[in-house]
């Protein structure tokens, strides 16, 4: 892996957030350690439910010495805010997409290279691979954040009010994307107009016509009622949604060795359960999408080949100066 400049400085919003939060410490009882867990997603999302299970288990197994407080729906900011605050130790645990970490640790592009991951098993194999473990260890050493586990949210598709049946139709789209260079590069390459918008603003942005498309995993669409503002799901499967729980190393080191083991095991088990339940539910998610009168469009093999060809410059740009180009085939071969 090639080295690259790390952006560590926090933005003004994050500084305000930092001032408003207390670090991992106590309530009124010096024996109780509070861990704030921040998520952008809804309280009824599967991953939020798994986070609550982990929290309940941690409280029980530590006899209340560690309490995890859940803050869903972007109450503590955006995913970028979570990462910045974990670096400073003012949020202890955050749930983020692996792609959102690229702004802080560029090697996390490993999990988000278009058209490289093709199944749940493939995603887990990549996450557990030697190259992946090196990236995660580097993130811990350089930014002071450790990974607690991988969440599977399936392939990412395009959801839109405009009909897309050919590669050239992507030019019709003003696409909401996260603040991730790889996604911006990809949809620029597809001749769409990528527009960075916060996750919790997607519904309003679609309603008001600020954007006419977005790309996320299916479960996130349903848990946030986004099926209400789209007409089509275009099955591009352009990337696979690898999300993760992260923890501030400052907070982790404040725990006793026994508490560290309990927290680590609770999140590892919660992530494994989420992956199992998610993939069991995937067919049902697709049925719910159809019941909402959202038409699923599968592009022809010929058109998908054109999409992949159009995306090639974005793939090359996303890994330039970070990984050798051979990493693309290396990841594909893991499947």
C-alpha atoms as a PDB file:
ATOM      1  CA  UNK A   1       0.000   0.000   0.000  1.00  0.00           C
ATOM      2  CA  UNK A   2       1.189   3.449  -0.816  1.00  0.00           C
ATOM      3  CA  UNK A   3       1.121   6.111   1.840  1.00  0.00           C
ATOM      4  CA  UNK A   4      -1.072   9.160   1.505  1.00  0.00           C
ATOM      5  CA  UNK A   5      -1.795  12.338   3.401  1.00  0.00           C
ATOM      6  CA  UNK A   6      -4.176  11.925   6.336  1.00  0.00           C
ATOM      7  CA  UNK A   7      -6.822  14.570   6.949  1.00  0.00           C
ATOM      8  CA  UNK A   8      -7.244  14.744  10.696  1.00  0.00           C
ATOM      9  CA  UNK A   9      -8.318  18.316  11.462  1.00  0.00           C
ATOM     10  CA  UNK A  10     -11.923  18.575  12.637  1.00  0.00           C
ATOM     11  CA  UNK A  11     -14.390  20.913  10.958  1.00  0.00           C
ATOM     12  CA  UNK A  12     -16.127  23.693  12.850  1.00  0.00           C
ATOM     13  CA  UNK A  13     -19.298  21.676  13.297  1.00  0.00           C
ATOM     14  CA  UNK A  14     -17.330  18.882  14.892  1.00  0.00           C
ATOM     15  CA  UNK A  15     -15.630  21.329  17.250  1.00  0.00           C
ATOM     16  CA  UNK A  16     -18.999  22.579  18.417  1.00  0.00           C
ATOM     17  CA  UNK A  17     -20.093  18.987  18.875  1.00  0.00           C
ATOM     18  CA  UNK A  18     -16.936  18.283  20.836  1.00  0.00           C
ATOM     19  CA  UNK A  19     -17.631  21.122  23.266  1.00  0.00           C
ATOM     20  CA  UNK A  20     -21.158  19.875  23.860  1.00  0.00           C
ATOM     21  CA  UNK A  21     -20.235  16.275  24.707  1.00  0.00           C
ATOM     22  CA  UNK A  22     -18.452  14.761  27.688  1.00  0.00           C
ATOM     23  CA  UNK A  23     -15.780  12.125  27.256  1.00  0.00           C
ATOM     24  CA  UNK A  24     -16.218   8.503  28.320  1.00  0.00           C
ATOM     25  CA  UNK A  25     -16.570   8.802  32.081  1.00  0.00           C
ATOM     26  CA  UNK A  26     -19.204   8.643  34.733  1.00  0.00           C
ATOM     27  CA  UNK A  27     -22.747   9.554  35.536  1.00  0.00           C
ATOM     28  CA  UNK A  28     -22.938  10.435  39.206  1.00  0.00           C
ATOM     29  CA  UNK A  29     -21.437   7.070  40.046  1.00  0.00           C
ATOM     30  CA  UNK A  30     -17.690   6.859  39.514  1.00  0.00           C
ATOM     31  CA  UNK A  31     -18.002   3.117  38.848  1.00  0.00           C
ATOM     32  CA  UNK A  32     -20.249   3.576  35.787  1.00  0.00           C
ATOM     33  CA  UNK A  33     -18.590   4.203  32.418  1.00  0.00           C
ATOM     34  CA  UNK A  34     -20.869   5.713  29.780  1.00  0.00           C
ATOM     35  CA  UNK A  35     -20.249   4.899  26.107  1.00  0.00           C
ATOM     36  CA  UNK A  36     -22.205   7.037  23.652  1.00  0.00           C
ATOM     37  CA  UNK A  37     -23.047   5.122  20.466  1.00  0.00           C
ATOM     38  CA  UNK A  38     -23.979   7.314  17.483  1.00  0.00           C
ATOM     39  CA  UNK A  39     -25.887   6.195  14.380  1.00  0.00           C
ATOM     40  CA  UNK A  40     -27.415   8.095  11.465  1.00  0.00           C
ATOM     41  CA  UNK A  41     -30.017   5.400  10.826  1.00  0.00           C
ATOM     42  CA  UNK A  42     -33.532   5.057  12.244  1.00  0.00           C
ATOM     43  CA  UNK A  43     -34.366   3.485  15.634  1.00  0.00           C
ATOM     44  CA  UNK A  44     -36.261   0.663  13.880  1.00  0.00           C
ATOM     45  CA  UNK A  45     -33.368  -0.293  11.585  1.00  0.00           C
ATOM     46  CA  UNK A  46     -31.992  -3.807  12.043  1.00  0.00           C
ATOM     47  CA  UNK A  47     -28.521  -2.535  12.903  1.00  0.00           C
ATOM     48  CA  UNK A  48     -29.907  -0.189  15.565  1.00  0.00           C
ATOM     49  CA  UNK A  49     -31.727  -3.159  17.087  1.00  0.00           C
ATOM     50  CA  UNK A  50     -28.491  -5.156  17.078  1.00  0.00           C
ATOM     51  CA  UNK A  51     -26.670  -2.236  18.713  1.00  0.00           C
ATOM     52  CA  UNK A  52     -29.293  -2.217  21.474  1.00  0.00           C
ATOM     53  CA  UNK A  53     -28.831  -5.964  21.994  1.00  0.00           C
ATOM     54  CA  UNK A  54     -25.100  -5.427  22.370  1.00  0.00           C
ATOM     55  CA  UNK A  55     -25.730  -2.557  24.794  1.00  0.00           C
ATOM     56  CA  UNK A  56     -28.101  -4.647  26.927  1.00  0.00           C
ATOM     57  CA  UNK A  57     -25.612  -7.511  27.030  1.00  0.00           C
ATOM     58  CA  UNK A  58     -22.719  -5.235  27.985  1.00  0.00           C
ATOM     59  CA  UNK A  59     -24.689  -3.693  30.847  1.00  0.00           C
ATOM     60  CA  UNK A  60     -25.693  -7.123  32.116  1.00  0.00           C
ATOM     61  CA  UNK A  61     -22.276  -8.786  31.819  1.00  0.00           C
ATOM     62  CA  UNK A  62     -20.410  -5.856  33.398  1.00  0.00           C
ATOM     63  CA  UNK A  63     -22.996  -5.622  36.201  1.00  0.00           C
ATOM     64  CA  UNK A  64     -23.694  -2.055  35.136  1.00  0.00           C
ATOM     65  CA  UNK A  65     -20.113  -0.827  35.215  1.00  0.00           C
ATOM     66  CA  UNK A  66     -20.337  -0.083  31.452  1.00  0.00           C
ATOM     67  CA  UNK A  67     -23.481   1.465  29.968  1.00  0.00           C
ATOM     68  CA  UNK A  68     -23.893   2.029  26.225  1.00  0.00           C
ATOM     69  CA  UNK A  69     -26.275   4.866  25.342  1.00  0.00           C
ATOM     70  CA  UNK A  70     -27.812   4.668  21.838  1.00  0.00           C
ATOM     71  CA  UNK A  71     -28.272   7.869  19.790  1.00  0.00           C
ATOM     72  CA  UNK A  72     -29.927   7.025  16.417  1.00  0.00           C
ATOM     73  CA  UNK A  73     -31.262   9.228  13.602  1.00  0.00           C
ATOM     74  CA  UNK A  74     -28.241  11.508  13.407  1.00  0.00           C
ATOM     75  CA  UNK A  75     -28.788  13.036  16.853  1.00  0.00           C
ATOM     76  CA  UNK A  76     -25.012  13.423  17.268  1.00  0.00           C
ATOM     77  CA  UNK A  77     -24.315  14.546  13.713  1.00  0.00           C
ATOM     78  CA  UNK A  78     -23.253  12.867  10.495  1.00  0.00           C
ATOM     79  CA  UNK A  79     -20.946   9.901   9.993  1.00  0.00           C
ATOM     80  CA  UNK A  80     -18.093  12.319   9.368  1.00  0.00           C
ATOM     81  CA  UNK A  81     -18.841  13.965  12.722  1.00  0.00           C
ATOM     82  CA  UNK A  82     -18.813  10.555  14.406  1.00  0.00           C
ATOM     83  CA  UNK A  83     -15.327   9.713  13.103  1.00  0.00           C
ATOM     84  CA  UNK A  84     -13.920  13.135  14.002  1.00  0.00           C
ATOM     85  CA  UNK A  85     -15.410  12.910  17.498  1.00  0.00           C
ATOM     86  CA  UNK A  86     -14.089   9.376  18.026  1.00  0.00           C
ATOM     87  CA  UNK A  87     -10.609  10.653  17.168  1.00  0.00           C
ATOM     88  CA  UNK A  88     -11.020  13.223  19.925  1.00  0.00           C
ATOM     89  CA  UNK A  89     -12.655  10.719  22.276  1.00  0.00           C
ATOM     90  CA  UNK A  90     -15.890  12.696  22.643  1.00  0.00           C
ATOM     91  CA  UNK A  91     -18.042   9.998  21.062  1.00  0.00           C
ATOM     92  CA  UNK A  92     -17.036   6.513  22.127  1.00  0.00           C
ATOM     93  CA  UNK A  93     -18.669   4.302  19.469  1.00  0.00           C
ATOM     94  CA  UNK A  94     -19.972   5.111  15.992  1.00  0.00           C
ATOM     95  CA  UNK A  95     -21.785   3.182  13.298  1.00  0.00           C
ATOM     96  CA  UNK A  96     -20.521   4.212   9.865  1.00  0.00           C
ATOM     97  CA  UNK A  97     -20.153   2.948   6.338  1.00  0.00           C
ATOM     98  CA  UNK A  98     -16.634   1.822   5.541  1.00  0.00           C
ATOM     99  CA  UNK A  99     -16.669   4.266   2.634  1.00  0.00           C
ATOM    100  CA  UNK A 100     -17.184   7.231   4.980  1.00  0.00           C
ATOM    101  CA  UNK A 101     -13.858   6.420   6.657  1.00  0.00           C
ATOM    102  CA  UNK A 102     -11.980   7.064   3.386  1.00  0.00           C
ATOM    103  CA  UNK A 103     -11.848  10.786   4.188  1.00  0.00           C
ATOM    104  CA  UNK A 104      -9.685   9.943   7.225  1.00  0.00           C
ATOM    105  CA  UNK A 105      -7.944   6.711   6.216  1.00  0.00           C
ATOM    106  CA  UNK A 106      -7.821   6.513   2.406  1.00  0.00           C
ATOM    107  CA  UNK A 107      -7.004   2.791   2.466  1.00  0.00           C
ATOM    108  CA  UNK A 108     -10.631   2.153   3.481  1.00  0.00           C
ATOM    109  CA  UNK A 109     -11.403   2.515  -0.225  1.00  0.00           C
ATOM    110  CA  UNK A 110     -10.538  -1.196  -0.169  1.00  0.00           C
ATOM    111  CA  UNK A 111     -14.147  -1.933   0.837  1.00  0.00           C
ATOM    112  CA  UNK A 112     -15.743   0.402  -1.677  1.00  0.00           C
ATOM    113  CA  UNK A 113     -14.120  -0.188  -5.080  1.00  0.00           C
ATOM    114  CA  UNK A 114     -16.961  -0.459  -7.632  1.00  0.00           C
ATOM    115  CA  UNK A 115     -17.814  -3.845  -9.120  1.00  0.00           C
ATOM    116  CA  UNK A 116     -15.456  -5.931  -6.967  1.00  0.00           C
ATOM    117  CA  UNK A 117     -17.686  -7.620  -4.326  1.00  0.00           C
ATOM    118  CA  UNK A 118     -20.502  -9.909  -5.435  1.00  0.00           C
ATOM    119  CA  UNK A 119     -21.962 -11.755  -2.426  1.00  0.00           C
ATOM    120  CA  UNK A 120     -22.289 -11.689   1.391  1.00  0.00           C
ATOM    121  CA  UNK A 121     -19.635 -14.378   1.706  1.00  0.00           C
ATOM    122  CA  UNK A 122     -17.320 -12.410  -0.569  1.00  0.00           C
ATOM    123  CA  UNK A 123     -17.733  -9.323   1.635  1.00  0.00           C
ATOM    124  CA  UNK A 124     -16.874 -11.243   4.815  1.00  0.00           C
ATOM    125  CA  UNK A 125     -13.851 -12.854   3.145  1.00  0.00           C
ATOM    126  CA  UNK A 126     -12.554  -9.416   2.199  1.00  0.00           C
ATOM    127  CA  UNK A 127     -13.196  -8.019   5.695  1.00  0.00           C
ATOM    128  CA  UNK A 128     -11.264 -10.876   7.287  1.00  0.00           C
ATOM    129  CA  UNK A 129      -8.436 -10.904   4.706  1.00  0.00           C
ATOM    130  CA  UNK A 130      -4.828 -10.077   5.518  1.00  0.00           C
ATOM    131  CA  UNK A 131      -4.864  -6.843   3.516  1.00  0.00           C
ATOM    132  CA  UNK A 132      -8.040  -5.766   5.333  1.00  0.00           C
ATOM    133  CA  UNK A 133      -6.566  -6.489   8.759  1.00  0.00           C
ATOM    134  CA  UNK A 134      -3.533  -4.357   7.857  1.00  0.00           C
ATOM    135  CA  UNK A 135      -5.828  -1.461   6.870  1.00  0.00           C
ATOM    136  CA  UNK A 136      -7.764  -1.722  10.142  1.00  0.00           C
ATOM    137  CA  UNK A 137      -4.580  -1.893  12.211  1.00  0.00           C
ATOM    138  CA  UNK A 138      -3.213   1.150  10.397  1.00  0.00           C
ATOM    139  CA  UNK A 139      -6.430   3.035  11.169  1.00  0.00           C
ATOM    140  CA  UNK A 140      -6.046   2.170  14.847  1.00  0.00           C
ATOM    141  CA  UNK A 141      -2.411   3.254  14.981  1.00  0.00           C
ATOM    142  CA  UNK A 142      -2.798   6.465  12.975  1.00  0.00           C
ATOM    143  CA  UNK A 143      -6.242   7.713  13.976  1.00  0.00           C
ATOM    144  CA  UNK A 144      -6.855   6.028  17.320  1.00  0.00           C
ATOM    145  CA  UNK A 145     -10.010   4.184  16.248  1.00  0.00           C
ATOM    146  CA  UNK A 146     -10.522   0.428  16.371  1.00  0.00           C
ATOM    147  CA  UNK A 147     -13.047  -1.668  14.431  1.00  0.00           C
ATOM    148  CA  UNK A 148     -15.551  -3.659  16.489  1.00  0.00           C
ATOM    149  CA  UNK A 149     -17.227  -5.569  13.677  1.00  0.00           C
ATOM    150  CA  UNK A 150     -18.623  -5.658  10.161  1.00  0.00           C
ATOM    151  CA  UNK A 151     -22.258  -5.033   9.253  1.00  0.00           C
ATOM    152  CA  UNK A 152     -23.692  -6.352   5.952  1.00  0.00           C
ATOM    153  CA  UNK A 153     -26.231  -4.081   4.245  1.00  0.00           C
ATOM    154  CA  UNK A 154     -26.081  -5.797   0.867  1.00  0.00           C
ATOM    155  CA  UNK A 155     -25.485  -4.472  -2.623  1.00  0.00           C
ATOM    156  CA  UNK A 156     -26.044  -0.785  -3.270  1.00  0.00           C
ATOM    157  CA  UNK A 157     -28.496   0.078  -6.017  1.00  0.00           C
ATOM    158  CA  UNK A 158     -29.831   3.291  -7.518  1.00  0.00           C
ATOM    159  CA  UNK A 159     -33.277   4.521  -6.431  1.00  0.00           C
ATOM    160  CA  UNK A 160     -34.864   7.196  -8.564  1.00  0.00           C
ATOM    161  CA  UNK A 161     -37.952   8.887  -9.937  1.00  0.00           C
ATOM    162  CA  UNK A 162     -36.444   8.827 -13.443  1.00  0.00           C
ATOM    163  CA  UNK A 163     -36.559   5.708 -15.590  1.00  0.00           C
ATOM    164  CA  UNK A 164     -33.093   4.254 -16.216  1.00  0.00           C
ATOM    165  CA  UNK A 165     -32.904   1.377 -18.684  1.00  0.00           C
ATOM    166  CA  UNK A 166     -29.672   2.208 -20.534  1.00  0.00           C
ATOM    167  CA  UNK A 167     -26.233   3.305 -19.482  1.00  0.00           C
ATOM    168  CA  UNK A 168     -26.853   6.658 -21.153  1.00  0.00           C
ATOM    169  CA  UNK A 169     -29.908   7.245 -18.922  1.00  0.00           C
ATOM    170  CA  UNK A 170     -27.721   7.956 -15.899  1.00  0.00           C
ATOM    171  CA  UNK A 171     -27.256  11.427 -17.357  1.00  0.00           C
ATOM    172  CA  UNK A 172     -30.858  12.127 -16.273  1.00  0.00           C
ATOM    173  CA  UNK A 173     -29.931  11.816 -12.623  1.00  0.00           C
ATOM    174  CA  UNK A 174     -29.050  14.354  -9.987  1.00  0.00           C
ATOM    175  CA  UNK A 175     -27.775  11.814  -7.481  1.00  0.00           C
ATOM    176  CA  UNK A 176     -27.617  12.253  -3.754  1.00  0.00           C
ATOM    177  CA  UNK A 177     -24.330  10.762  -2.586  1.00  0.00           C
ATOM    178  CA  UNK A 178     -22.468  10.693   0.689  1.00  0.00           C
ATOM    179  CA  UNK A 179     -19.372  12.849   1.069  1.00  0.00           C
ATOM    180  CA  UNK A 180     -17.172  10.075  -0.307  1.00  0.00           C
ATOM    181  CA  UNK A 181     -14.760  10.688  -3.161  1.00  0.00           C
ATOM    182  CA  UNK A 182     -15.258   7.222  -4.632  1.00  0.00           C
ATOM    183  CA  UNK A 183     -19.009   7.682  -5.013  1.00  0.00           C
ATOM    184  CA  UNK A 184     -18.624  11.176  -6.413  1.00  0.00           C
ATOM    185  CA  UNK A 185     -16.070   9.899  -8.931  1.00  0.00           C
ATOM    186  CA  UNK A 186     -18.300   6.967  -9.894  1.00  0.00           C
ATOM    187  CA  UNK A 187     -21.411   8.991 -10.683  1.00  0.00           C
ATOM    188  CA  UNK A 188     -19.396  11.654 -12.449  1.00  0.00           C
ATOM    189  CA  UNK A 189     -18.018   8.855 -14.630  1.00  0.00           C
ATOM    190  CA  UNK A 190     -21.589   7.682 -15.335  1.00  0.00           C
ATOM    191  CA  UNK A 191     -22.479  11.228 -16.504  1.00  0.00           C
ATOM    192  CA  UNK A 192     -24.845  11.791 -13.575  1.00  0.00           C
ATOM    193  CA  UNK A 193     -24.736  14.876 -11.361  1.00  0.00           C
ATOM    194  CA  UNK A 194     -23.613  13.744  -7.874  1.00  0.00           C
ATOM    195  CA  UNK A 195     -24.763  16.019  -5.049  1.00  0.00           C
ATOM    196  CA  UNK A 196     -23.527  15.581  -1.481  1.00  0.00           C
ATOM    197  CA  UNK A 197     -26.457  15.517   0.936  1.00  0.00           C
ATOM    198  CA  UNK A 198     -26.746  14.278   4.520  1.00  0.00           C
ATOM    199  CA  UNK A 199     -28.369  10.876   4.904  1.00  0.00           C
ATOM    200  CA  UNK A 200     -31.246  12.171   7.021  1.00  0.00           C
ATOM    201  CA  UNK A 201     -32.058  14.771   4.342  1.00  0.00           C
ATOM    202  CA  UNK A 202     -32.615  12.282   1.501  1.00  0.00           C
ATOM    203  CA  UNK A 203     -36.401  12.085   1.957  1.00  0.00           C
ATOM    204  CA  UNK A 204     -36.900  15.862   1.814  1.00  0.00           C
ATOM    205  CA  UNK A 205     -34.400  16.300  -1.018  1.00  0.00           C
ATOM    206  CA  UNK A 206     -36.325  13.738  -3.110  1.00  0.00           C
ATOM    207  CA  UNK A 207     -39.691  15.261  -2.210  1.00  0.00           C
ATOM    208  CA  UNK A 208     -38.610  18.761  -3.193  1.00  0.00           C
ATOM    209  CA  UNK A 209     -36.741  17.702  -6.334  1.00  0.00           C
ATOM    210  CA  UNK A 210     -33.331  18.852  -5.127  1.00  0.00           C
ATOM    211  CA  UNK A 211     -32.233  15.389  -6.264  1.00  0.00           C
ATOM    212  CA  UNK A 212     -34.057  12.713  -8.229  1.00  0.00           C
ATOM    213  CA  UNK A 213     -31.993   9.725  -7.193  1.00  0.00           C
ATOM    214  CA  UNK A 214     -29.827   8.224  -4.479  1.00  0.00           C
ATOM    215  CA  UNK A 215     -27.879   5.042  -3.855  1.00  0.00           C
ATOM    216  CA  UNK A 216     -27.920   2.971  -0.667  1.00  0.00           C
ATOM    217  CA  UNK A 217     -28.743  -0.541   0.512  1.00  0.00           C
ATOM    218  CA  UNK A 218     -32.308  -1.840   0.441  1.00  0.00           C
ATOM    219  CA  UNK A 219     -32.841  -2.240   4.183  1.00  0.00           C
ATOM    220  CA  UNK A 220     -31.877   1.398   4.689  1.00  0.00           C
ATOM    221  CA  UNK A 221     -34.458   2.414   2.084  1.00  0.00           C
ATOM    222  CA  UNK A 222     -37.244   0.618   3.923  1.00  0.00           C
ATOM    223  CA  UNK A 223     -36.294   1.526   7.496  1.00  0.00           C
ATOM    224  CA  UNK A 224     -36.302   5.208   6.498  1.00  0.00           C
ATOM    225  CA  UNK A 225     -39.474   4.998   4.350  1.00  0.00           C
ATOM    226  CA  UNK A 226     -37.593   6.136   1.266  1.00  0.00           C
ATOM    227  CA  UNK A 227     -39.670   3.798  -0.902  1.00  0.00           C
ATOM    228  CA  UNK A 228     -42.331   6.502  -0.579  1.00  0.00           C
ATOM    229  CA  UNK A 229     -40.351   8.978  -2.686  1.00  0.00           C
ATOM    230  CA  UNK A 230     -39.052   6.774  -5.528  1.00  0.00           C
ATOM    231  CA  UNK A 231     -40.544   4.997  -8.531  1.00  0.00           C
ATOM    232  CA  UNK A 232     -37.661   2.782  -9.611  1.00  0.00           C
ATOM    233  CA  UNK A 233     -34.901   0.629  -8.182  1.00  0.00           C
ATOM    234  CA  UNK A 234     -32.134   0.150 -10.741  1.00  0.00           C
ATOM    235  CA  UNK A 235     -30.170  -2.971  -9.797  1.00  0.00           C
ATOM    236  CA  UNK A 236     -26.670  -1.760 -10.500  1.00  0.00           C
ATOM    237  CA  UNK A 237     -25.007  -3.513  -7.530  1.00  0.00           C
ATOM    238  CA  UNK A 238     -22.212  -1.004  -8.136  1.00  0.00           C
ATOM    239  CA  UNK A 239     -20.722  -1.504  -4.669  1.00  0.00           C
ATOM    240  CA  UNK A 240     -21.431  -3.743  -1.690  1.00  0.00           C
ATOM    241  CA  UNK A 241     -22.442  -2.042   1.541  1.00  0.00           C
ATOM    242  CA  UNK A 242     -19.865  -2.881   4.169  1.00  0.00           C
ATOM    243  CA  UNK A 243     -20.615  -0.906   7.324  1.00  0.00           C
ATOM    244  CA  UNK A 244     -18.914  -1.179  10.679  1.00  0.00           C
ATOM    245  CA  UNK A 245     -18.978  -0.295  14.346  1.00  0.00           C
ATOM    246  CA  UNK A 246     -15.931   1.736  15.372  1.00  0.00           C
ATOM    247  CA  UNK A 247     -14.684   2.647  18.835  1.00  0.00           C
ATOM    248  CA  UNK A 248     -12.417   5.386  20.102  1.00  0.00           C
ATOM    249  CA  UNK A 249      -9.198   3.836  21.376  1.00  0.00           C
ATOM    250  CA  UNK A 250      -9.147   6.414  24.171  1.00  0.00           C
ATOM    251  CA  UNK A 251     -12.474   5.080  25.409  1.00  0.00           C
ATOM    252  CA  UNK A 252     -11.433   1.459  24.902  1.00  0.00           C
ATOM    253  CA  UNK A 253      -8.306   1.902  27.008  1.00  0.00           C
ATOM    254  CA  UNK A 254     -10.364   3.366  29.864  1.00  0.00           C
ATOM    255  CA  UNK A 255     -12.075   0.007  30.246  1.00  0.00           C
ATOM    256  CA  UNK A 256     -10.643  -2.806  32.323  1.00  0.00           C
ATOM    257  CA  UNK A 257      -9.340  -5.849  30.398  1.00  0.00           C
ATOM    258  CA  UNK A 258     -12.486  -7.769  31.390  1.00  0.00           C
ATOM    259  CA  UNK A 259     -14.729  -4.933  30.203  1.00  0.00           C
ATOM    260  CA  UNK A 260     -12.794  -4.712  26.934  1.00  0.00           C
ATOM    261  CA  UNK A 261     -13.392  -8.398  26.310  1.00  0.00           C
ATOM    262  CA  UNK A 262     -17.113  -8.066  27.070  1.00  0.00           C
ATOM    263  CA  UNK A 263     -17.539  -5.063  24.753  1.00  0.00           C
ATOM    264  CA  UNK A 264     -15.536  -6.689  21.952  1.00  0.00           C
ATOM    265  CA  UNK A 265     -17.422  -9.967  22.187  1.00  0.00           C
ATOM    266  CA  UNK A 266     -20.845  -8.295  22.412  1.00  0.00           C
ATOM    267  CA  UNK A 267     -20.320  -6.286  19.239  1.00  0.00           C
ATOM    268  CA  UNK A 268     -18.693  -9.167  17.381  1.00  0.00           C
ATOM    269  CA  UNK A 269     -21.708 -11.382  18.140  1.00  0.00           C
ATOM    270  CA  UNK A 270     -24.197  -8.599  17.334  1.00  0.00           C
ATOM    271  CA  UNK A 271     -22.546  -8.038  13.947  1.00  0.00           C
ATOM    272  CA  UNK A 272     -22.614 -11.769  13.152  1.00  0.00           C
ATOM    273  CA  UNK A 273     -26.315 -11.906  14.053  1.00  0.00           C
ATOM    274  CA  UNK A 274     -27.052  -8.841  11.933  1.00  0.00           C
ATOM    275  CA  UNK A 275     -25.373 -10.393   8.894  1.00  0.00           C
ATOM    276  CA  UNK A 276     -27.353 -13.610   9.310  1.00  0.00           C
ATOM    277  CA  UNK A 277     -30.718 -11.909   9.881  1.00  0.00           C
ATOM    278  CA  UNK A 278     -30.182  -9.396   7.092  1.00  0.00           C
ATOM    279  CA  UNK A 279     -29.558 -12.051   4.471  1.00  0.00           C
ATOM    280  CA  UNK A 280     -32.484 -14.145   5.713  1.00  0.00           C
ATOM    281  CA  UNK A 281     -34.711 -11.067   5.352  1.00  0.00           C
ATOM    282  CA  UNK A 282     -33.436  -9.910   1.958  1.00  0.00           C
ATOM    283  CA  UNK A 283     -36.164 -11.636  -0.096  1.00  0.00           C
ATOM    284  CA  UNK A 284     -38.783 -10.098   2.190  1.00  0.00           C
ATOM    285  CA  UNK A 285     -37.229  -6.654   1.757  1.00  0.00           C
ATOM    286  CA  UNK A 286     -37.576  -7.013  -2.014  1.00  0.00           C
ATOM    287  CA  UNK A 287     -41.235  -8.001  -1.604  1.00  0.00           C
ATOM    288  CA  UNK A 288     -41.888  -4.931   0.523  1.00  0.00           C
ATOM    289  CA  UNK A 289     -40.302  -2.743  -2.146  1.00  0.00           C
ATOM    290  CA  UNK A 290     -42.588  -4.236  -4.804  1.00  0.00           C
ATOM    291  CA  UNK A 291     -45.631  -3.780  -2.544  1.00  0.00           C
ATOM    292  CA  UNK A 292     -44.742  -0.084  -2.396  1.00  0.00           C
ATOM    293  CA  UNK A 293     -45.131   0.021  -6.208  1.00  0.00           C
ATOM    294  CA  UNK A 294     -41.425   0.564  -6.807  1.00  0.00           C
ATOM    295  CA  UNK A 295     -40.440  -1.065 -10.088  1.00  0.00           C
ATOM    296  CA  UNK A 296     -37.150  -2.955 -10.066  1.00  0.00           C
ATOM    297  CA  UNK A 297     -35.182  -2.517 -13.280  1.00  0.00           C
ATOM    298  CA  UNK A 298     -32.479  -4.972 -14.297  1.00  0.00           C
ATOM    299  CA  UNK A 299     -30.268  -3.611 -17.025  1.00  0.00           C
ATOM    300  CA  UNK A 300     -29.329  -5.984 -19.823  1.00  0.00           C
ATOM    301  CA  UNK A 301     -25.919  -7.634 -19.721  1.00  0.00           C
ATOM    302  CA  UNK A 302     -24.869  -5.411 -22.602  1.00  0.00           C
ATOM    303  CA  UNK A 303     -25.892  -2.236 -20.768  1.00  0.00           C
ATOM    304  CA  UNK A 304     -24.260  -3.371 -17.518  1.00  0.00           C
ATOM    305  CA  UNK A 305     -21.044  -3.998 -19.446  1.00  0.00           C
ATOM    306  CA  UNK A 306     -21.256  -0.416 -20.691  1.00  0.00           C
ATOM    307  CA  UNK A 307     -21.803   0.833 -17.113  1.00  0.00           C
ATOM    308  CA  UNK A 308     -18.762  -1.097 -15.908  1.00  0.00           C
ATOM    309  CA  UNK A 309     -16.670   0.319 -18.748  1.00  0.00           C
ATOM    310  CA  UNK A 310     -17.815   3.848 -17.948  1.00  0.00           C
ATOM    311  CA  UNK A 311     -16.913   3.251 -14.296  1.00  0.00           C
ATOM    312  CA  UNK A 312     -13.364   2.118 -15.025  1.00  0.00           C
ATOM    313  CA  UNK A 313     -11.798   5.610 -14.830  1.00  0.00           C
ATOM    314  CA  UNK A 314     -13.499   6.124 -11.458  1.00  0.00           C
ATOM    315  CA  UNK A 315     -12.082   2.818 -10.207  1.00  0.00           C
ATOM    316  CA  UNK A 316      -8.591   3.807 -11.291  1.00  0.00           C
ATOM    317  CA  UNK A 317      -8.948   7.262  -9.762  1.00  0.00           C
ATOM    318  CA  UNK A 318     -10.250   5.933  -6.443  1.00  0.00           C
ATOM    319  CA  UNK A 319      -7.215   3.711  -5.827  1.00  0.00           C
ATOM    320  CA  UNK A 320      -4.550   5.909  -7.413  1.00  0.00           C
ATOM    321  CA  UNK A 321      -1.714   6.574  -4.988  1.00  0.00           C
ATOM    322  CA  UNK A 322      -3.268   4.234  -2.407  1.00  0.00           C
ATOM    323  CA  UNK A 323      -3.221   0.709  -3.819  1.00  0.00           C
ATOM    324  CA  UNK A 324      -1.550  -0.938  -6.765  1.00  0.00           C
ATOM    325  CA  UNK A 325      -4.079  -1.491  -9.606  1.00  0.00           C
ATOM    326  CA  UNK A 326      -3.728  -5.247  -9.040  1.00  0.00           C
ATOM    327  CA  UNK A 327      -5.863  -4.887  -5.871  1.00  0.00           C
ATOM    328  CA  UNK A 328      -9.017  -4.887  -8.028  1.00  0.00           C
ATOM    329  CA  UNK A 329      -8.451  -8.398  -9.347  1.00  0.00           C
ATOM    330  CA  UNK A 330      -7.136  -9.507  -5.956  1.00  0.00           C
ATOM    331  CA  UNK A 331     -10.467  -8.583  -4.329  1.00  0.00           C
ATOM    332  CA  UNK A 332     -12.515 -10.116  -7.124  1.00  0.00           C
ATOM    333  CA  UNK A 333     -10.578 -13.365  -6.758  1.00  0.00           C
ATOM    334  CA  UNK A 334     -11.598 -13.587  -3.074  1.00  0.00           C
ATOM    335  CA  UNK A 335     -15.143 -14.354  -4.217  1.00  0.00           C
END
